[in-house]
Amino acid sequence: MLKILVYIHAPAQTPTKGQRELLALAASLGEAAVVLGDNADDAARAGLHGAGATAFYGAVTPEQLRGELIAPAVSLLVAAVRAAGADAVLLPNTMEGREIAARAAVRLDSGVITDAVAVDQELNVTKSVLAGSYTVRARITRGPALITLKANSVQPAEAQDSGAQVPPVQTLELGESGPAARITATAPHIASGRPELSEARFVVAGGRGVDGDFGPVEDLADALGAAVGASRAATDAGWIDHSAQVGQTGVTVSPQLYISAGISGAIQQKAGMQSAKYIVAINKDPDAPIFEIADLGIIGDLASVLPQAAAEIRRRQG
């Protein structure tokens, strides 16, 4: 049976949808164990155990993982791979997850595959390449496979209380992590009440066409229970935080529904969203590239179209 490690950056009492997707895929491939990127109390480990985790690995001193960026997490993951004799490691397809995978692969003399949407029993990985123009299958031929999984690619595991005893954490020494950026201060992220962009089933994104006003985009997102995204032009203009950027240099999303409002659809933006199941595009320009991949295109002013859509959705919701 394959031994699969799942890297969980921030354990919480209730596993996130993305964490449950990783565990579901790991359990379908073999024996799933979790590498804890921070301290996890009994409730957090019980939640992960209920979602499929059969073992846990963590740092002897979890505080080491909080003081510096990336490097200690890489050391922990490498130590866990060696201790478990892992065949593969699954990580989230976030900027942090991809960087941890890349650095760990160098130390393990292995390979990395990012943007995975499926993995089979032979560890063949299905992914999209060239900004989503092609779907390919790839396989790492040396060392343990390090794979980052796109959100919304796997049916998440449903957390259950099996009644079995939750395994204890096997603690590992990190050793020397090498040079790293040190965290000097932190501030809490202000919660919007909306879903996490990378995991959302519905996304409403605005671009240059919003002309500085994300109000209609946010109103439609709230009517749908969707996350809010943005193009690089909108984030660079300071209209919305950079964490909302969707695209090649931002967040990659794979929602069930992606609504693009006032976004031309340059290749960099397409790369981050065109694996969405359904794409609705709203743009004044009938020749905008986004219409080439849209399932439904609306040529019109977003300031008029979005409020009408939000009002109709709320009317139907009663």
Protein backbone atom coordinates (compact mmCIF):
# COMPACT_ATOMS: atom_id res chain seq x y z
CA MET A 1 0.00 0.00 0.00
CA LEU A 2 1.28 3.46 -0.90
CA LYS A 3 2.23 5.79 1.92
CA ILE A 4 0.91 9.29 1.20
CA LEU A 5 1.72 12.38 3.25
CA VAL A 6 -0.61 15.40 3.27
CA TYR A 7 0.82 18.76 4.30
CA ILE A 8 -1.65 20.78 6.41
CA HIS A 9 -0.38 24.32 6.96
CA ALA A 10 -2.94 25.53 9.52
CA PRO A 11 -4.76 22.77 11.43
CA ALA A 12 -8.11 23.88 12.86
CA GLN A 13 -10.93 22.25 14.81
CA THR A 14 -12.87 21.73 11.60
CA PRO A 15 -10.77 20.79 8.54
CA THR A 16 -11.27 23.13 5.60
CA LYS A 17 -12.74 21.91 2.32
CA GLY A 18 -9.29 22.05 0.70
CA GLN A 19 -7.77 19.97 3.49
CA ARG A 20 -10.55 17.38 3.17
CA GLU A 21 -9.96 17.20 -0.59
CA LEU A 22 -6.28 16.45 -0.02
CA LEU A 23 -7.13 13.76 2.54
CA ALA A 24 -9.77 12.22 0.28
CA LEU A 25 -7.27 11.90 -2.56
CA ALA A 26 -4.57 10.55 -0.23
CA ALA A 27 -6.94 7.93 1.22
CA SER A 28 -7.96 6.83 -2.30
CA LEU A 29 -4.30 6.17 -3.12
CA GLY A 30 -3.16 4.47 0.05
CA GLU A 31 -2.44 5.18 3.68
CA ALA A 32 -2.87 8.89 4.48
CA ALA A 33 -0.71 10.62 7.08
CA VAL A 34 -0.67 14.32 7.93
CA VAL A 35 2.31 16.62 8.35
CA LEU A 36 1.21 19.39 10.73
CA GLY A 37 2.51 22.80 9.72
CA ASP A 38 1.58 24.20 13.15
CA ASN A 39 0.51 23.01 16.56
CA ALA A 40 -2.70 20.95 16.49
CA ASP A 41 -4.82 20.36 19.59
CA ASP A 42 -6.89 17.22 20.23
CA ALA A 43 -9.95 18.61 18.46
CA ALA A 44 -7.98 19.54 15.33
CA ARG A 45 -6.36 16.11 15.11
CA ALA A 46 -9.72 14.41 15.73
CA GLY A 47 -11.19 16.35 12.81
CA LEU A 48 -8.34 15.36 10.49
CA HIS A 49 -8.51 11.76 11.72
CA GLY A 50 -12.24 11.70 10.96
CA ALA A 51 -11.44 12.92 7.42
CA GLY A 52 -9.02 10.06 6.79
CA ALA A 53 -5.69 10.78 8.50
CA THR A 54 -4.13 7.65 10.02
CA ALA A 55 -0.94 9.20 11.43
CA PHE A 56 0.47 12.60 12.33
CA TYR A 57 3.94 14.14 12.10
CA GLY A 58 4.89 17.44 13.69
CA ALA A 59 7.83 19.47 14.94
CA VAL A 60 9.26 18.87 18.40
CA THR A 61 8.88 22.61 18.94
CA PRO A 62 6.02 23.93 16.71
CA GLU A 63 7.09 27.48 17.54
CA GLN A 64 9.99 27.00 15.11
CA LEU A 65 7.48 26.89 12.26
CA ARG A 66 6.12 30.35 13.06
CA GLY A 67 9.31 32.34 13.37
CA GLU A 68 10.52 32.13 9.77
CA LEU A 69 8.99 31.88 6.31
CA ILE A 70 8.92 28.52 4.45
CA ALA A 71 12.33 27.11 5.46
CA PRO A 72 11.27 25.39 8.73
CA ALA A 73 8.20 23.91 7.01
CA VAL A 74 10.46 22.46 4.31
CA SER A 75 12.71 20.91 6.96
CA LEU A 76 9.70 19.37 8.70
CA LEU A 77 8.30 17.95 5.47
CA VAL A 78 11.64 16.44 4.45
CA ALA A 79 12.04 14.87 7.90
CA ALA A 80 8.50 13.44 7.72
CA VAL A 81 9.06 11.97 4.24
CA ARG A 82 12.16 10.19 5.47
CA ALA A 83 10.55 9.01 8.73
CA ALA A 84 7.43 7.68 6.98
CA GLY A 85 9.15 6.31 3.89
CA ALA A 86 6.51 8.19 1.93
CA ASP A 87 5.82 7.41 -1.72
CA ALA A 88 4.18 10.78 -2.36
CA VAL A 89 3.31 14.09 -0.73
CA LEU A 90 0.15 16.08 -1.47
CA LEU A 91 0.13 19.84 -0.85
CA PRO A 92 -2.35 22.63 -1.62
CA ASN A 93 -1.79 24.39 -4.94
CA THR A 94 -1.11 27.72 -3.23
CA MET A 95 1.98 29.89 -3.62
CA GLU A 96 3.21 28.60 -0.26
CA GLY A 97 2.39 24.98 -1.10
CA ARG A 98 4.22 25.16 -4.43
CA GLU A 99 7.29 26.76 -2.86
CA ILE A 100 7.47 24.20 -0.05
CA ALA A 101 7.16 21.40 -2.62
CA ALA A 102 9.91 22.85 -4.80
CA ARG A 103 12.38 23.32 -1.95
CA ALA A 104 11.63 19.89 -0.49
CA ALA A 105 12.17 18.27 -3.89
CA VAL A 106 15.67 19.75 -4.09
CA ARG A 107 16.57 18.24 -0.71
CA LEU A 108 14.98 14.90 -1.53
CA ASP A 109 16.42 14.75 -5.08
CA SER A 110 12.90 14.27 -6.35
CA GLY A 111 10.45 16.00 -8.69
CA VAL A 112 7.40 18.26 -8.41
CA ILE A 113 4.13 18.37 -10.33
CA THR A 114 1.89 21.38 -9.73
CA ASP A 115 -1.70 22.18 -10.75
CA ALA A 116 -2.84 18.56 -10.44
CA VAL A 117 -6.52 17.79 -10.92
CA ALA A 118 -6.29 13.99 -10.56
CA VAL A 119 -3.80 11.31 -9.45
CA ASP A 120 -4.15 7.57 -10.11
CA GLN A 121 -2.85 4.53 -8.26
CA GLU A 122 0.37 4.57 -10.30
CA LEU A 123 0.92 8.21 -9.25
CA ASN A 124 0.26 9.41 -12.79
CA VAL A 125 -0.91 13.00 -12.49
CA THR A 126 -3.44 14.76 -14.72
CA LYS A 127 -2.89 18.51 -15.06
CA SER A 128 -3.34 21.40 -17.46
CA VAL A 129 -0.39 23.15 -19.12
CA LEU A 130 0.34 26.17 -21.32
CA ALA A 131 -2.25 28.34 -19.56
CA GLY A 132 -4.83 25.56 -19.76
CA SER A 133 -4.51 25.00 -23.49
CA TYR A 134 -3.71 21.29 -23.05
CA THR A 135 -4.41 18.55 -20.52
CA VAL A 136 -1.52 16.15 -19.95
CA ARG A 137 -0.55 13.21 -17.78
CA ALA A 138 2.81 13.35 -16.04
CA ARG A 139 4.74 11.14 -13.66
CA ILE A 140 7.72 11.75 -11.39
CA THR A 141 10.37 9.15 -12.13
CA ARG A 142 12.76 9.68 -9.22
CA GLY A 143 12.21 9.91 -5.49
CA PRO A 144 8.93 10.54 -3.65
CA ALA A 145 6.40 12.44 -5.77
CA LEU A 146 5.58 15.95 -4.56
CA ILE A 147 2.21 17.02 -5.98
CA THR A 148 0.18 20.18 -5.46
CA LEU A 149 -3.57 19.72 -5.93
CA LYS A 150 -5.90 22.33 -7.38
CA ALA A 151 -8.89 23.09 -5.18
CA ASN A 152 -12.29 21.72 -6.25
CA SER A 153 -10.67 18.84 -8.15
CA VAL A 154 -11.66 16.05 -5.76
CA GLN A 155 -14.84 15.27 -3.84
CA PRO A 156 -13.86 16.22 -0.26
CA ALA A 157 -13.93 13.62 2.48
CA GLU A 158 -16.77 14.00 4.97
CA ALA A 159 -15.36 14.26 8.49
CA GLN A 160 -16.74 11.45 10.65
CA ASP A 161 -16.32 10.32 14.21
CA SER A 162 -15.14 6.74 13.82
CA GLY A 163 -14.87 6.23 17.57
CA ALA A 164 -11.29 5.03 17.11
CA GLN A 165 -8.49 6.55 19.16
CA VAL A 166 -6.80 9.50 17.49
CA PRO A 167 -3.13 8.68 16.77
CA PRO A 168 -0.54 10.71 18.70
CA VAL A 169 1.79 13.13 16.94
CA GLN A 170 5.18 11.68 16.03
CA THR A 171 7.52 14.59 16.68
CA LEU A 172 10.55 15.28 14.52
CA GLU A 173 13.64 17.43 14.91
CA LEU A 174 13.90 20.07 12.20
CA GLY A 175 17.65 20.53 12.34
CA GLU A 176 19.26 23.43 10.50
CA SER A 177 16.81 25.10 8.12
CA GLY A 178 19.36 27.39 6.45
CA PRO A 179 18.89 31.07 5.61
CA ALA A 180 15.30 32.26 5.79
CA ALA A 181 13.26 35.44 6.00
CA ARG A 182 12.22 36.05 9.59
CA ILE A 183 8.71 37.19 10.53
CA THR A 184 8.93 40.39 12.55
CA ALA A 185 5.22 41.20 12.95
CA THR A 186 1.79 39.80 12.11
CA ALA A 187 -1.69 41.29 11.84
CA PRO A 188 -5.01 39.42 11.66
CA HIS A 189 -6.69 39.20 8.29
CA ILE A 190 -10.06 40.96 8.33
CA ALA A 191 -12.68 38.32 7.57
CA SER A 192 -15.13 39.25 4.83
CA GLY A 193 -17.56 36.45 5.58
CA ARG A 194 -17.15 35.20 2.01
CA PRO A 195 -15.66 31.83 1.02
CA GLU A 196 -11.91 31.45 0.58
CA LEU A 197 -11.07 32.38 -3.02
CA SER A 198 -8.96 29.31 -3.76
CA GLU A 199 -11.68 26.92 -2.49
CA ALA A 200 -14.89 28.71 -3.50
CA ARG A 201 -17.52 26.94 -5.63
CA PHE A 202 -18.61 30.29 -7.07
CA VAL A 203 -16.37 33.26 -7.93
CA VAL A 204 -17.33 36.73 -9.18
CA ALA A 205 -14.30 38.63 -10.49
CA GLY A 206 -13.90 42.24 -11.59
CA GLY A 207 -11.28 43.87 -13.77
CA ARG A 208 -10.36 47.17 -15.33
CA GLY A 209 -13.99 47.64 -16.41
CA VAL A 210 -15.21 48.21 -12.83
CA ASP A 211 -13.40 51.55 -12.97
CA GLY A 212 -12.56 51.48 -9.28
CA ASP A 213 -16.00 50.43 -8.01
CA PHE A 214 -16.18 46.82 -6.83
CA GLY A 215 -19.60 47.41 -5.24
CA PRO A 216 -21.63 45.64 -7.99
CA VAL A 217 -19.15 42.72 -8.04
CA GLU A 218 -19.32 42.29 -4.26
CA ASP A 219 -23.13 42.62 -4.23
CA LEU A 220 -23.53 39.83 -6.80
CA ALA A 221 -20.98 37.71 -4.93
CA ASP A 222 -22.94 38.10 -1.69
CA ALA A 223 -26.19 37.17 -3.45
CA LEU A 224 -24.56 33.97 -4.73
CA GLY A 225 -22.51 33.18 -1.63
CA ALA A 226 -19.45 33.54 -3.84
CA ALA A 227 -15.85 34.67 -3.37
CA VAL A 228 -14.65 37.92 -4.94
CA GLY A 229 -11.74 37.83 -7.40
CA ALA A 230 -9.96 40.42 -9.51
CA SER A 231 -7.63 40.86 -12.45
CA ARG A 232 -4.09 42.09 -11.99
CA ALA A 233 -5.06 45.46 -13.47
CA ALA A 234 -7.60 45.95 -10.70
CA THR A 235 -5.28 44.93 -7.88
CA ASP A 236 -2.36 46.97 -9.25
CA ALA A 237 -4.67 50.01 -9.37
CA GLY A 238 -5.34 49.57 -5.65
CA TRP A 239 -9.07 48.98 -6.10
CA ILE A 240 -8.93 45.70 -4.18
CA ASP A 241 -6.35 43.75 -2.16
CA HIS A 242 -3.76 41.72 -4.07
CA SER A 243 -4.96 38.56 -2.31
CA ALA A 244 -8.00 38.69 -4.64
CA GLN A 245 -5.92 38.46 -7.83
CA VAL A 246 -6.78 35.53 -10.08
CA GLY A 247 -4.29 34.53 -12.73
CA GLN A 248 -0.85 33.23 -13.56
CA THR A 249 0.78 35.46 -10.91
CA GLY A 250 -2.13 35.24 -8.47
CA VAL A 251 -4.55 32.62 -7.21
CA THR A 252 -5.56 29.71 -9.42
CA VAL A 253 -9.24 28.84 -9.04
CA SER A 254 -11.39 25.95 -10.31
CA PRO A 255 -14.93 26.84 -9.24
CA GLN A 256 -18.20 25.43 -10.52
CA LEU A 257 -19.13 28.93 -11.72
CA TYR A 258 -16.82 31.84 -12.61
CA ILE A 259 -18.35 35.20 -13.48
CA SER A 260 -15.92 37.58 -15.18
CA ALA A 261 -17.00 41.23 -15.14
CA GLY A 262 -15.06 43.87 -17.02
CA ILE A 263 -12.06 41.61 -17.59
CA SER A 264 -10.63 41.38 -21.11
CA GLY A 265 -9.28 37.86 -20.60
CA ALA A 266 -5.56 38.17 -21.28
CA ILE A 267 -3.68 34.84 -21.29
CA GLN A 268 -2.28 35.46 -17.78
CA GLN A 269 -5.79 35.82 -16.37
CA LYS A 270 -7.16 32.86 -18.30
CA ALA A 271 -4.43 30.67 -16.83
CA GLY A 272 -5.88 31.14 -13.37
CA MET A 273 -9.52 30.43 -14.07
CA GLN A 274 -10.29 28.63 -17.32
CA SER A 275 -10.59 25.24 -15.63
CA ALA A 276 -13.84 26.52 -14.07
CA LYS A 277 -16.80 24.30 -14.98
CA TYR A 278 -18.93 27.21 -16.24
CA ILE A 279 -17.69 30.66 -17.24
CA VAL A 280 -19.96 33.68 -17.65
CA ALA A 281 -18.31 36.77 -19.16
CA ILE A 282 -19.65 40.34 -19.08
CA ASN A 283 -17.83 42.94 -21.15
CA LYS A 284 -18.63 45.99 -23.28
CA ASP A 285 -16.14 44.90 -25.94
CA PRO A 286 -17.59 42.17 -28.19
CA ASP A 287 -14.05 41.25 -29.27
CA ALA A 288 -12.72 40.70 -25.72
CA PRO A 289 -10.65 37.46 -25.59
CA ILE A 290 -12.63 36.25 -22.57
CA PHE A 291 -15.58 35.44 -24.85
CA GLU A 292 -13.45 32.76 -26.57
CA ILE A 293 -13.65 30.52 -23.49
CA ALA A 294 -16.94 31.70 -21.95
CA ASP A 295 -19.94 29.36 -21.82
CA LEU A 296 -22.19 32.42 -21.74
CA GLY A 297 -21.17 35.87 -22.94
CA ILE A 298 -23.03 39.10 -22.20
CA ILE A 299 -22.05 42.20 -24.16
CA GLY A 300 -23.04 45.04 -21.87
CA ASP A 301 -22.20 47.44 -19.07
CA LEU A 302 -21.41 45.55 -15.87
CA ALA A 303 -22.78 48.46 -13.81
CA SER A 304 -26.18 47.64 -15.30
CA VAL A 305 -25.93 43.85 -15.72
CA LEU A 306 -24.60 42.88 -12.27
CA PRO A 307 -27.23 44.69 -10.15
CA GLN A 308 -29.99 43.15 -12.28
CA ALA A 309 -28.49 39.69 -11.83
CA ALA A 310 -28.14 40.17 -8.06
CA ALA A 311 -31.72 41.41 -7.75
CA GLU A 312 -33.09 38.47 -9.76
CA ILE A 313 -31.10 35.93 -7.70
CA ARG A 314 -32.43 37.41 -4.45
CA ARG A 315 -35.99 37.44 -5.83
CA ARG A 316 -35.76 33.77 -6.68
CA GLN A 317 -34.26 32.98 -3.29
CA GLY A 318 -37.36 34.50 -1.77
